[in-house]
Every structure is written in C-alpha cells, then in structure tokens.
Amino acid sequence: MGVSKKEISPCPIDVTLSVIDGRWKGTILWRLLDGPMRTNESRKSIPEMTERMLLRHL
C-alpha cells in the first residue's frame, strides 16, 4: 500500500522556498535585512521594479 499525503510531513526547505518563490521576493527580503523601510524607500532602492510589482509581493 502507498503512503497517504497526510502521513508525509512537508520538508521545511520546500515550504520556505514555496513562500519566497518569485522574481522579486528575494531582492525585497535582501533590502529589508537592514531594517524596516517605507514602501517608497523600498521602491527607490529597487529601481528596476515597478510600484505595482512591489505592492503585489509585499
């Protein structure tokens, strides 16, 4: 018999990567390592990213 999905615990690394998946999330997190920023400060620190994309990923 096979093992049901309920019996298998998800790997913490897989769960973490699924949460921070995306083109900009790593960049946003990297910028926030120094401390909290206002949205406009975050936007100016990543000029390649549009405001819409920033707000979408926050």
Foldseek 3Di string as FASTA:
>chain_A
DDDDPVVDDDDPVVVVCVLQDDDCSVVLVVVCPVHDDDLVVSCVVCVVDDSVVSVVSD
